[in-house]
Amino acid sequence: MNITKNLNGTSLEIALEGRLDTVTAPELEDVVKRELDGVNALVMDFSKLDYISSAGLRVLLSAHKIMAGKGGEMKVTNVNEIVREVFEVTGFEDILTIE
């Protein structure tokens, strides 16, 4: 999985490419923990994400809790059909802001 970060003031965009699964989730978790200090808005761009597992969902939930805990916002953009179906089945579509 490739992770691209773009910080613009207090807004951070993280674009993911490939698969977010048990092998790659720890890498994203490290990025989230390191990069969210001073960030008020987090955008996760999934336009090139092919797959997400429960390990990936756990990282998203953790990032969502961090952002909510500091009064910030998080949204997920450009979600493909496969990932959207995972969000629907797991109830994440009711937790996350998906555009």
PDB file of N, CA and C in Angstrom:
ATOM      1  N   MET A   1       0.848  -1.179   0.000  1.00  0.00           N
ATOM      2  CA  MET A   1       0.000   0.000   0.000  1.00  0.00           C
ATOM      3  C   MET A   1       0.887   1.233   0.000  1.00  0.00           C
ATOM      4  N   ASN A   2       0.499   2.223  -0.779  1.00  0.00           N
ATOM      5  CA  ASN A   2       1.177   3.513  -0.778  1.00  0.00           C
ATOM      6  C   ASN A   2       0.326   4.517  -0.015  1.00  0.00           C
ATOM      7  N   ILE A   3       1.006   5.336   0.793  1.00  0.00           N
ATOM      8  CA  ILE A   3       0.337   6.380   1.560  1.00  0.00           C
ATOM      9  C   ILE A   3       0.930   7.716   1.149  1.00  0.00           C
ATOM     10  N   THR A   4       0.076   8.634   0.717  1.00  0.00           N
ATOM     11  CA  THR A   4       0.503   9.972   0.349  1.00  0.00           C
ATOM     12  C   THR A   4      -0.157  10.959   1.298  1.00  0.00           C
ATOM     13  N   LYS A   5       0.654  11.855   1.874  1.00  0.00           N
ATOM     14  CA  LYS A   5       0.141  12.840   2.830  1.00  0.00           C
ATOM     15  C   LYS A   5       0.278  14.236   2.235  1.00  0.00           C
ATOM     16  N   ASN A   6      -0.719  15.075   2.494  1.00  0.00           N
ATOM     17  CA  ASN A   6      -0.674  16.461   2.064  1.00  0.00           C
ATOM     18  C   ASN A   6      -1.248  17.326   3.179  1.00  0.00           C
ATOM     19  N   LEU A   7      -0.370  18.075   3.850  1.00  0.00           N
ATOM     20  CA  LEU A   7      -0.799  18.949   4.942  1.00  0.00           C
ATOM     21  C   LEU A   7      -0.965  20.363   4.406  1.00  0.00           C
ATOM     22  N   ASN A   8      -2.144  20.925   4.625  1.00  0.00           N
ATOM     23  CA  ASN A   8      -2.434  22.285   4.192  1.00  0.00           C
ATOM     24  C   ASN A   8      -2.976  23.032   5.400  1.00  0.00           C
ATOM     25  N   GLY A   9      -2.102  23.733   6.106  1.00  0.00           N
ATOM     26  CA  GLY A   9      -2.505  24.412   7.339  1.00  0.00           C
ATOM     27  C   GLY A   9      -2.842  23.387   8.402  1.00  0.00           C
ATOM     28  N   THR A  10      -4.102  23.377   8.834  1.00  0.00           N
ATOM     29  CA  THR A  10      -4.530  22.407   9.844  1.00  0.00           C
ATOM     30  C   THR A  10      -5.375  21.287   9.228  1.00  0.00           C
ATOM     31  N   SER A  11      -5.330  21.174   7.908  1.00  0.00           N
ATOM     32  CA  SER A  11      -6.062  20.130   7.207  1.00  0.00           C
ATOM     33  C   SER A  11      -5.063  19.131   6.610  1.00  0.00           C
ATOM     34  N   LEU A  12      -5.296  17.860   6.881  1.00  0.00           N
ATOM     35  CA  LEU A  12      -4.417  16.805   6.380  1.00  0.00           C
ATOM     36  C   LEU A  12      -5.212  15.870   5.490  1.00  0.00           C
ATOM     37  N   GLU A  13      -4.689  15.640   4.292  1.00  0.00           N
ATOM     38  CA  GLU A  13      -5.276  14.638   3.406  1.00  0.00           C
ATOM     39  C   GLU A  13      -4.321  13.461   3.333  1.00  0.00           C
ATOM     40  N   ILE A  14      -4.868  12.273   3.544  1.00  0.00           N
ATOM     41  CA  ILE A  14      -4.105  11.037   3.412  1.00  0.00           C
ATOM     42  C   ILE A  14      -4.754  10.231   2.303  1.00  0.00           C
ATOM     43  N   ALA A  15      -4.001   9.990   1.240  1.00  0.00           N
ATOM     44  CA  ALA A  15      -4.493   9.195   0.113  1.00  0.00           C
ATOM     45  C   ALA A  15      -3.876   7.800   0.192  1.00  0.00           C
ATOM     46  N   LEU A  16      -4.713   6.794   0.054  1.00  0.00           N
ATOM     47  CA  LEU A  16      -4.263   5.410   0.131  1.00  0.00           C
ATOM     48  C   LEU A  16      -4.384   4.749  -1.231  1.00  0.00           C
ATOM     49  N   GLU A  17      -3.392   3.932  -1.557  1.00  0.00           N
ATOM     50  CA  GLU A  17      -3.408   3.202  -2.819  1.00  0.00           C
ATOM     51  C   GLU A  17      -3.056   1.744  -2.546  1.00  0.00           C
ATOM     52  N   GLY A  18      -3.913   0.840  -3.010  1.00  0.00           N
ATOM     53  CA  GLY A  18      -3.661  -0.585  -2.817  1.00  0.00           C
ATOM     54  C   GLY A  18      -4.653  -1.206  -1.858  1.00  0.00           C
ATOM     55  N   ARG A  19      -4.126  -2.015  -0.920  1.00  0.00           N
ATOM     56  CA  ARG A  19      -4.957  -2.756   0.029  1.00  0.00           C
ATOM     57  C   ARG A  19      -4.658  -2.314   1.454  1.00  0.00           C
ATOM     58  N   LEU A  20      -5.714  -2.035   2.202  1.00  0.00           N
ATOM     59  CA  LEU A  20      -5.586  -1.715   3.629  1.00  0.00           C
ATOM     60  C   LEU A  20      -6.049  -2.954   4.386  1.00  0.00           C
ATOM     61  N   ASP A  21      -5.065  -3.749   4.829  1.00  0.00           N
ATOM     62  CA  ASP A  21      -5.374  -5.029   5.460  1.00  0.00           C
ATOM     63  C   ASP A  21      -4.471  -5.255   6.668  1.00  0.00           C
ATOM     64  N   THR A  22      -4.424  -6.466   7.150  1.00  0.00           N
ATOM     65  CA  THR A  22      -3.654  -6.795   8.349  1.00  0.00           C
ATOM     66  C   THR A  22      -2.176  -6.438   8.201  1.00  0.00           C
ATOM     67  N   VAL A  23      -1.644  -6.589   7.005  1.00  0.00           N
ATOM     68  CA  VAL A  23      -0.226  -6.312   6.760  1.00  0.00           C
ATOM     69  C   VAL A  23       0.050  -4.808   6.714  1.00  0.00           C
ATOM     70  N   THR A  24      -0.838  -4.038   6.103  1.00  0.00           N
ATOM     71  CA  THR A  24      -0.574  -2.610   5.872  1.00  0.00           C
ATOM     72  C   THR A  24      -1.205  -1.678   6.906  1.00  0.00           C
ATOM     73  N   ALA A  25      -2.180  -2.151   7.659  1.00  0.00           N
ATOM     74  CA  ALA A  25      -2.863  -1.304   8.648  1.00  0.00           C
ATOM     75  C   ALA A  25      -1.903  -0.698   9.679  1.00  0.00           C
ATOM     76  N   PRO A  26      -0.907  -1.441  10.182  1.00  0.00           N
ATOM     77  CA  PRO A  26       0.013  -0.827  11.155  1.00  0.00           C
ATOM     78  C   PRO A  26       0.770   0.385  10.592  1.00  0.00           C
ATOM     79  N   GLU A  27       1.068   0.353   9.309  1.00  0.00           N
ATOM     80  CA  GLU A  27       1.744   1.493   8.680  1.00  0.00           C
ATOM     81  C   GLU A  27       0.848   2.729   8.706  1.00  0.00           C
ATOM     82  N   LEU A  28      -0.426   2.567   8.346  1.00  0.00           N
ATOM     83  CA  LEU A  28      -1.363   3.689   8.389  1.00  0.00           C
ATOM     84  C   LEU A  28      -1.569   4.160   9.819  1.00  0.00           C
ATOM     85  N   GLU A  29      -1.645   3.227  10.748  1.00  0.00           N
ATOM     86  CA  GLU A  29      -1.816   3.591  12.157  1.00  0.00           C
ATOM     87  C   GLU A  29      -0.650   4.465  12.639  1.00  0.00           C
ATOM     88  N   ASP A  30       0.564   4.119  12.243  1.00  0.00           N
ATOM     89  CA  ASP A  30       1.741   4.923  12.605  1.00  0.00           C
ATOM     90  C   ASP A  30       1.647   6.325  12.029  1.00  0.00           C
ATOM     91  N   VAL A  31       1.238   6.430  10.777  1.00  0.00           N
ATOM     92  CA  VAL A  31       1.097   7.735  10.129  1.00  0.00           C
ATOM     93  C   VAL A  31       0.053   8.566  10.862  1.00  0.00           C
ATOM     94  N   VAL A  32      -1.086   7.975  11.171  1.00  0.00           N
ATOM     95  CA  VAL A  32      -2.162   8.695  11.859  1.00  0.00           C
ATOM     96  C   VAL A  32      -1.674   9.209  13.213  1.00  0.00           C
ATOM     97  N   LYS A  33      -1.012   8.368  13.975  1.00  0.00           N
ATOM     98  CA  LYS A  33      -0.534   8.776  15.301  1.00  0.00           C
ATOM     99  C   LYS A  33       0.491   9.911  15.212  1.00  0.00           C
ATOM    100  N   ARG A  34       1.352   9.859  14.209  1.00  0.00           N
ATOM    101  CA  ARG A  34       2.403  10.874  14.054  1.00  0.00           C
ATOM    102  C   ARG A  34       1.886  12.195  13.502  1.00  0.00           C
ATOM    103  N   GLU A  35       0.948  12.138  12.593  1.00  0.00           N
ATOM    104  CA  GLU A  35       0.592  13.310  11.788  1.00  0.00           C
ATOM    105  C   GLU A  35      -0.600  14.117  12.289  1.00  0.00           C
ATOM    106  N   LEU A  36      -1.383  13.623  13.238  1.00  0.00           N
ATOM    107  CA  LEU A  36      -2.619  14.319  13.609  1.00  0.00           C
ATOM    108  C   LEU A  36      -2.440  15.446  14.617  1.00  0.00           C
ATOM    109  N   ASP A  37      -1.263  15.609  15.153  1.00  0.00           N
ATOM    110  CA  ASP A  37      -1.023  16.702  16.091  1.00  0.00           C
ATOM    111  C   ASP A  37      -1.183  18.039  15.374  1.00  0.00           C
ATOM    112  N   GLY A  38      -2.091  18.877  15.863  1.00  0.00           N
ATOM    113  CA  GLY A  38      -2.331  20.182  15.248  1.00  0.00           C
ATOM    114  C   GLY A  38      -3.269  20.154  14.053  1.00  0.00           C
ATOM    115  N   VAL A  39      -3.800  18.984  13.715  1.00  0.00           N
ATOM    116  CA  VAL A  39      -4.713  18.850  12.572  1.00  0.00           C
ATOM    117  C   VAL A  39      -6.154  18.926  13.060  1.00  0.00           C
ATOM    118  N   ASN A  40      -6.958  19.772  12.407  1.00  0.00           N
ATOM    119  CA  ASN A  40      -8.373  19.917  12.760  1.00  0.00           C
ATOM    120  C   ASN A  40      -9.304  19.220  11.775  1.00  0.00           C
ATOM    121  N   ALA A  41      -8.783  18.945  10.565  1.00  0.00           N
ATOM    122  CA  ALA A  41      -9.592  18.280   9.545  1.00  0.00           C
ATOM    123  C   ALA A  41      -8.745  17.202   8.878  1.00  0.00           C
ATOM    124  N   LEU A  42      -9.302  15.996   8.844  1.00  0.00           N
ATOM    125  CA  LEU A  42      -8.620  14.863   8.228  1.00  0.00           C
ATOM    126  C   LEU A  42      -9.479  14.337   7.093  1.00  0.00           C
ATOM    127  N   VAL A  43      -8.885  14.247   5.910  1.00  0.00           N
ATOM    128  CA  VAL A  43      -9.571  13.690   4.746  1.00  0.00           C
ATOM    129  C   VAL A  43      -8.813  12.438   4.324  1.00  0.00           C
ATOM    130  N   MET A  44      -9.523  11.332   4.263  1.00  0.00           N
ATOM    131  CA  MET A  44      -8.947  10.079   3.796  1.00  0.00           C
ATOM    132  C   MET A  44      -9.448   9.845   2.373  1.00  0.00           C
ATOM    133  N   ASP A  45      -8.545   9.936   1.404  1.00  0.00           N
ATOM    134  CA  ASP A  45      -8.904   9.766  -0.005  1.00  0.00           C
ATOM    135  C   ASP A  45      -8.716   8.301  -0.390  1.00  0.00           C
ATOM    136  N   PHE A  46      -9.823   7.641  -0.720  1.00  0.00           N
ATOM    137  CA  PHE A  46      -9.796   6.218  -1.048  1.00  0.00           C
ATOM    138  C   PHE A  46      -9.939   5.970  -2.546  1.00  0.00           C
ATOM    139  N   SER A  47      -9.666   6.967  -3.385  1.00  0.00           N
ATOM    140  CA  SER A  47      -9.878   6.808  -4.826  1.00  0.00           C
ATOM    141  C   SER A  47      -9.055   5.670  -5.416  1.00  0.00           C
ATOM    142  N   LYS A  48      -7.922   5.332  -4.804  1.00  0.00           N
ATOM    143  CA  LYS A  48      -7.071   4.253  -5.325  1.00  0.00           C
ATOM    144  C   LYS A  48      -6.965   3.078  -4.348  1.00  0.00           C
ATOM    145  N   LEU A  49      -7.885   3.040  -3.372  1.00  0.00           N
ATOM    146  CA  LEU A  49      -7.900   1.927  -2.420  1.00  0.00           C
ATOM    147  C   LEU A  49      -8.744   0.799  -2.998  1.00  0.00           C
ATOM    148  N   ASP A  50      -8.153  -0.391  -3.088  1.00  0.00           N
ATOM    149  CA  ASP A  50      -8.831  -1.531  -3.697  1.00  0.00           C
ATOM    150  C   ASP A  50      -9.611  -2.381  -2.701  1.00  0.00           C
ATOM    151  N   TYR A  51      -9.163  -2.381  -1.430  1.00  0.00           N
ATOM    152  CA  TYR A  51      -9.706  -3.337  -0.466  1.00  0.00           C
ATOM    153  C   TYR A  51      -9.457  -2.811   0.939  1.00  0.00           C
ATOM    154  N   ILE A  52     -10.378  -3.119   1.854  1.00  0.00           N
ATOM    155  CA  ILE A  52     -10.182  -2.793   3.267  1.00  0.00           C
ATOM    156  C   ILE A  52     -10.640  -3.980   4.114  1.00  0.00           C
ATOM    157  N   SER A  53      -9.830  -4.349   5.106  1.00  0.00           N
ATOM    158  CA  SER A  53     -10.162  -5.453   6.009  1.00  0.00           C
ATOM    159  C   SER A  53     -10.575  -4.898   7.364  1.00  0.00           C
ATOM    160  N   SER A  54     -10.879  -5.790   8.288  1.00  0.00           N
ATOM    161  CA  SER A  54     -11.254  -5.359   9.632  1.00  0.00           C
ATOM    162  C   SER A  54     -10.107  -4.622  10.320  1.00  0.00           C
ATOM    163  N   ALA A  55      -8.877  -4.976  10.003  1.00  0.00           N
ATOM    164  CA  ALA A  55      -7.726  -4.268  10.575  1.00  0.00           C
ATOM    165  C   ALA A  55      -7.706  -2.820  10.085  1.00  0.00           C
ATOM    166  N   GLY A  56      -8.037  -2.615   8.833  1.00  0.00           N
ATOM    167  CA  GLY A  56      -8.126  -1.259   8.288  1.00  0.00           C
ATOM    168  C   GLY A  56      -9.266  -0.472   8.907  1.00  0.00           C
ATOM    169  N   LEU A  57     -10.394  -1.140   9.128  1.00  0.00           N
ATOM    170  CA  LEU A  57     -11.533  -0.486   9.768  1.00  0.00           C
ATOM    171  C   LEU A  57     -11.169  -0.023  11.176  1.00  0.00           C
ATOM    172  N   ARG A  58     -10.394  -0.844  11.876  1.00  0.00           N
ATOM    173  CA  ARG A  58      -9.975  -0.484  13.232  1.00  0.00           C
ATOM    174  C   ARG A  58      -9.137   0.805  13.219  1.00  0.00           C
ATOM    175  N   VAL A  59      -8.258   0.946  12.243  1.00  0.00           N
ATOM    176  CA  VAL A  59      -7.436   2.156  12.147  1.00  0.00           C
ATOM    177  C   VAL A  59      -8.314   3.370  11.837  1.00  0.00           C
ATOM    178  N   LEU A  60      -9.288   3.199  10.963  1.00  0.00           N
ATOM    179  CA  LEU A  60     -10.200   4.303  10.651  1.00  0.00           C
ATOM    180  C   LEU A  60     -10.993   4.721  11.881  1.00  0.00           C
ATOM    181  N   LEU A  61     -11.466   3.751  12.637  1.00  0.00           N
ATOM    182  CA  LEU A  61     -12.223   4.058  13.848  1.00  0.00           C
ATOM    183  C   LEU A  61     -11.348   4.792  14.855  1.00  0.00           C
ATOM    184  N   SER A  62     -10.110   4.375  14.987  1.00  0.00           N
ATOM    185  CA  SER A  62      -9.167   5.033  15.890  1.00  0.00           C
ATOM    186  C   SER A  62      -8.931   6.483  15.469  1.00  0.00           C
ATOM    187  N   ALA A  63      -8.717   6.702  14.169  1.00  0.00           N
ATOM    188  CA  ALA A  63      -8.506   8.062  13.662  1.00  0.00           C
ATOM    189  C   ALA A  63      -9.751   8.918  13.896  1.00  0.00           C
ATOM    190  N   HIS A  64     -10.928   8.329  13.673  1.00  0.00           N
ATOM    191  CA  HIS A  64     -12.186   9.044  13.887  1.00  0.00           C
ATOM    192  C   HIS A  64     -12.323   9.469  15.347  1.00  0.00           C
ATOM    193  N   LYS A  65     -11.981   8.569  16.268  1.00  0.00           N
ATOM    194  CA  LYS A  65     -12.069   8.884  17.696  1.00  0.00           C
ATOM    195  C   LYS A  65     -11.080   9.977  18.092  1.00  0.00           C
ATOM    196  N   ILE A  66      -9.882   9.918  17.543  1.00  0.00           N
ATOM    197  CA  ILE A  66      -8.882  10.962  17.831  1.00  0.00           C
ATOM    198  C   ILE A  66      -9.398  12.315  17.370  1.00  0.00           C
ATOM    199  N   MET A  67      -9.903  12.378  16.144  1.00  0.00           N
ATOM    200  CA  MET A  67     -10.387  13.647  15.598  1.00  0.00           C
ATOM    201  C   MET A  67     -11.598  14.157  16.379  1.00  0.00           C
ATOM    202  N   ALA A  68     -12.534  13.271  16.699  1.00  0.00           N
ATOM    203  CA  ALA A  68     -13.722  13.678  17.456  1.00  0.00           C
ATOM    204  C   ALA A  68     -13.337  14.140  18.852  1.00  0.00           C
ATOM    205  N   GLY A  69     -12.356  13.496  19.448  1.00  0.00           N
ATOM    206  CA  GLY A  69     -11.913  13.841  20.794  1.00  0.00           C
ATOM    207  C   GLY A  69     -11.320  15.225  20.905  1.00  0.00           C
ATOM    208  N   LYS A  70     -10.795  15.738  19.802  1.00  0.00           N
ATOM    209  CA  LYS A  70     -10.234  17.083  19.840  1.00  0.00           C
ATOM    210  C   LYS A  70     -11.092  18.093  19.082  1.00  0.00           C
ATOM    211  N   GLY A  71     -12.335  17.705  18.810  1.00  0.00           N
ATOM    212  CA  GLY A  71     -13.272  18.622  18.175  1.00  0.00           C
ATOM    213  C   GLY A  71     -13.032  18.816  16.690  1.00  0.00           C
ATOM    214  N   GLY A  72     -12.251  17.938  16.089  1.00  0.00           N
ATOM    215  CA  GLY A  72     -11.978  18.033  14.656  1.00  0.00           C
ATOM    216  C   GLY A  72     -12.962  17.203  13.860  1.00  0.00           C
ATOM    217  N   GLU A  73     -12.726  17.150  12.567  1.00  0.00           N
ATOM    218  CA  GLU A  73     -13.608  16.368  11.707  1.00  0.00           C
ATOM    219  C   GLU A  73     -12.778  15.445  10.824  1.00  0.00           C
ATOM    220  N   MET A  74     -13.394  14.341  10.452  1.00  0.00           N
ATOM    221  CA  MET A  74     -12.761  13.385   9.554  1.00  0.00           C
ATOM    222  C   MET A  74     -13.781  12.963   8.520  1.00  0.00           C
ATOM    223  N   LYS A  75     -13.335  12.898   7.269  1.00  0.00           N
ATOM    224  CA  LYS A  75     -14.218  12.386   6.225  1.00  0.00           C
ATOM    225  C   LYS A  75     -13.434  11.473   5.303  1.00  0.00           C
ATOM    226  N   VAL A  76     -14.160  10.543   4.706  1.00  0.00           N
ATOM    227  CA  VAL A  76     -13.597   9.602   3.757  1.00  0.00           C
ATOM    228  C   VAL A  76     -14.195   9.923   2.396  1.00  0.00           C
ATOM    229  N   THR A  77     -13.322  10.075   1.394  1.00  0.00           N
ATOM    230  CA  THR A  77     -13.804  10.468   0.069  1.00  0.00           C
ATOM    231  C   THR A  77     -13.439   9.412  -0.976  1.00  0.00           C
ATOM    232  N   ASN A  78     -14.153   9.460  -2.088  1.00  0.00           N
ATOM    233  CA  ASN A  78     -13.862   8.638  -3.271  1.00  0.00           C
ATOM    234  C   ASN A  78     -13.838   7.138  -2.962  1.00  0.00           C
ATOM    235  N   VAL A  79     -14.888   6.676  -2.308  1.00  0.00           N
ATOM    236  CA  VAL A  79     -14.978   5.270  -1.897  1.00  0.00           C
ATOM    237  C   VAL A  79     -15.560   4.442  -3.046  1.00  0.00           C
ATOM    238  N   ASN A  80     -14.859   3.365  -3.413  1.00  0.00           N
ATOM    239  CA  ASN A  80     -15.369   2.506  -4.483  1.00  0.00           C
ATOM    240  C   ASN A  80     -16.459   1.574  -3.956  1.00  0.00           C
ATOM    241  N   GLU A  81     -17.067   0.809  -4.857  1.00  0.00           N
ATOM    242  CA  GLU A  81     -18.197  -0.053  -4.495  1.00  0.00           C
ATOM    243  C   GLU A  81     -17.835  -1.123  -3.475  1.00  0.00           C
ATOM    244  N   ILE A  82     -16.655  -1.715  -3.641  1.00  0.00           N
ATOM    245  CA  ILE A  82     -16.231  -2.801  -2.750  1.00  0.00           C
ATOM    246  C   ILE A  82     -16.067  -2.286  -1.321  1.00  0.00           C
ATOM    247  N   VAL A  83     -15.375  -1.170  -1.172  1.00  0.00           N
ATOM    248  CA  VAL A  83     -15.142  -0.590   0.151  1.00  0.00           C
ATOM    249  C   VAL A  83     -16.456  -0.075   0.736  1.00  0.00           C
ATOM    250  N   ARG A  84     -17.282   0.537  -0.084  1.00  0.00           N
ATOM    251  CA  ARG A  84     -18.576   1.040   0.389  1.00  0.00           C
ATOM    252  C   ARG A  84     -19.440  -0.099   0.930  1.00  0.00           C
ATOM    253  N   GLU A  85     -19.392  -1.235   0.271  1.00  0.00           N
ATOM    254  CA  GLU A  85     -20.159  -2.389   0.742  1.00  0.00           C
ATOM    255  C   GLU A  85     -19.663  -2.848   2.116  1.00  0.00           C
ATOM    256  N   VAL A  86     -18.357  -2.830   2.324  1.00  0.00           N
ATOM    257  CA  VAL A  86     -17.800  -3.182   3.633  1.00  0.00           C
ATOM    258  C   VAL A  86     -18.308  -2.192   4.684  1.00  0.00           C
ATOM    259  N   PHE A  87     -18.312  -0.894   4.346  1.00  0.00           N
ATOM    260  CA  PHE A  87     -18.817   0.122   5.276  1.00  0.00           C
ATOM    261  C   PHE A  87     -20.289  -0.123   5.605  1.00  0.00           C
ATOM    262  N   GLU A  88     -21.089  -0.505   4.602  1.00  0.00           N
ATOM    263  CA  GLU A  88     -22.514  -0.749   4.813  1.00  0.00           C
ATOM    264  C   GLU A  88     -22.740  -1.964   5.715  1.00  0.00           C
ATOM    265  N   VAL A  89     -22.055  -3.059   5.424  1.00  0.00           N
ATOM    266  CA  VAL A  89     -22.239  -4.303   6.173  1.00  0.00           C
ATOM    267  C   VAL A  89     -21.804  -4.151   7.628  1.00  0.00           C
ATOM    268  N   THR A  90     -20.736  -3.387   7.862  1.00  0.00           N
ATOM    269  CA  THR A  90     -20.196  -3.247   9.214  1.00  0.00           C
ATOM    270  C   THR A  90     -20.831  -2.103   9.998  1.00  0.00           C
ATOM    271  N   GLY A  91     -21.640  -1.272   9.338  1.00  0.00           N
ATOM    272  CA  GLY A  91     -22.248  -0.131  10.016  1.00  0.00           C
ATOM    273  C   GLY A  91     -21.359   1.103  10.058  1.00  0.00           C
ATOM    274  N   PHE A  92     -20.192   1.040   9.418  1.00  0.00           N
ATOM    275  CA  PHE A  92     -19.287   2.183   9.410  1.00  0.00           C
ATOM    276  C   PHE A  92     -19.859   3.363   8.635  1.00  0.00           C
ATOM    277  N   GLU A  93     -20.796   3.105   7.719  1.00  0.00           N
ATOM    278  CA  GLU A  93     -21.402   4.209   6.986  1.00  0.00           C
ATOM    279  C   GLU A  93     -22.208   5.119   7.922  1.00  0.00           C
ATOM    280  N   ASP A  94     -22.607   4.575   9.076  1.00  0.00           N
ATOM    281  CA  ASP A  94     -23.337   5.378  10.057  1.00  0.00           C
ATOM    282  C   ASP A  94     -22.395   6.109  11.011  1.00  0.00           C
ATOM    283  N   ILE A  95     -21.153   5.697  11.057  1.00  0.00           N
ATOM    284  CA  ILE A  95     -20.171   6.294  11.954  1.00  0.00           C
ATOM    285  C   ILE A  95     -19.334   7.363  11.250  1.00  0.00           C
ATOM    286  N   LEU A  96     -18.878   7.036  10.047  1.00  0.00           N
ATOM    287  CA  LEU A  96     -17.986   7.925   9.297  1.00  0.00           C
ATOM    288  C   LEU A  96     -18.740   8.856   8.376  1.00  0.00           C
ATOM    289  N   THR A  97     -18.139   9.990   8.086  1.00  0.00           N
ATOM    290  CA  THR A  97     -18.647  10.885   7.046  1.00  0.00           C
ATOM    291  C   THR A  97     -18.020  10.437   5.747  1.00  0.00           C
ATOM    292  N   ILE A  98     -18.856   9.963   4.820  1.00  0.00           N
ATOM    293  CA  ILE A  98     -18.376   9.422   3.552  1.00  0.00           C
ATOM    294  C   ILE A  98     -18.911  10.282   2.420  1.00  0.00           C
ATOM    295  N   GLU A  99     -17.995  10.769   1.599  1.00  0.00           N
ATOM    296  CA  GLU A  99     -18.400  11.607   0.455  1.00  0.00           C
ATOM    297  C   GLU A  99     -17.982  10.955  -0.840  1.00  0.00           C
TER     298      GLU A  99
END
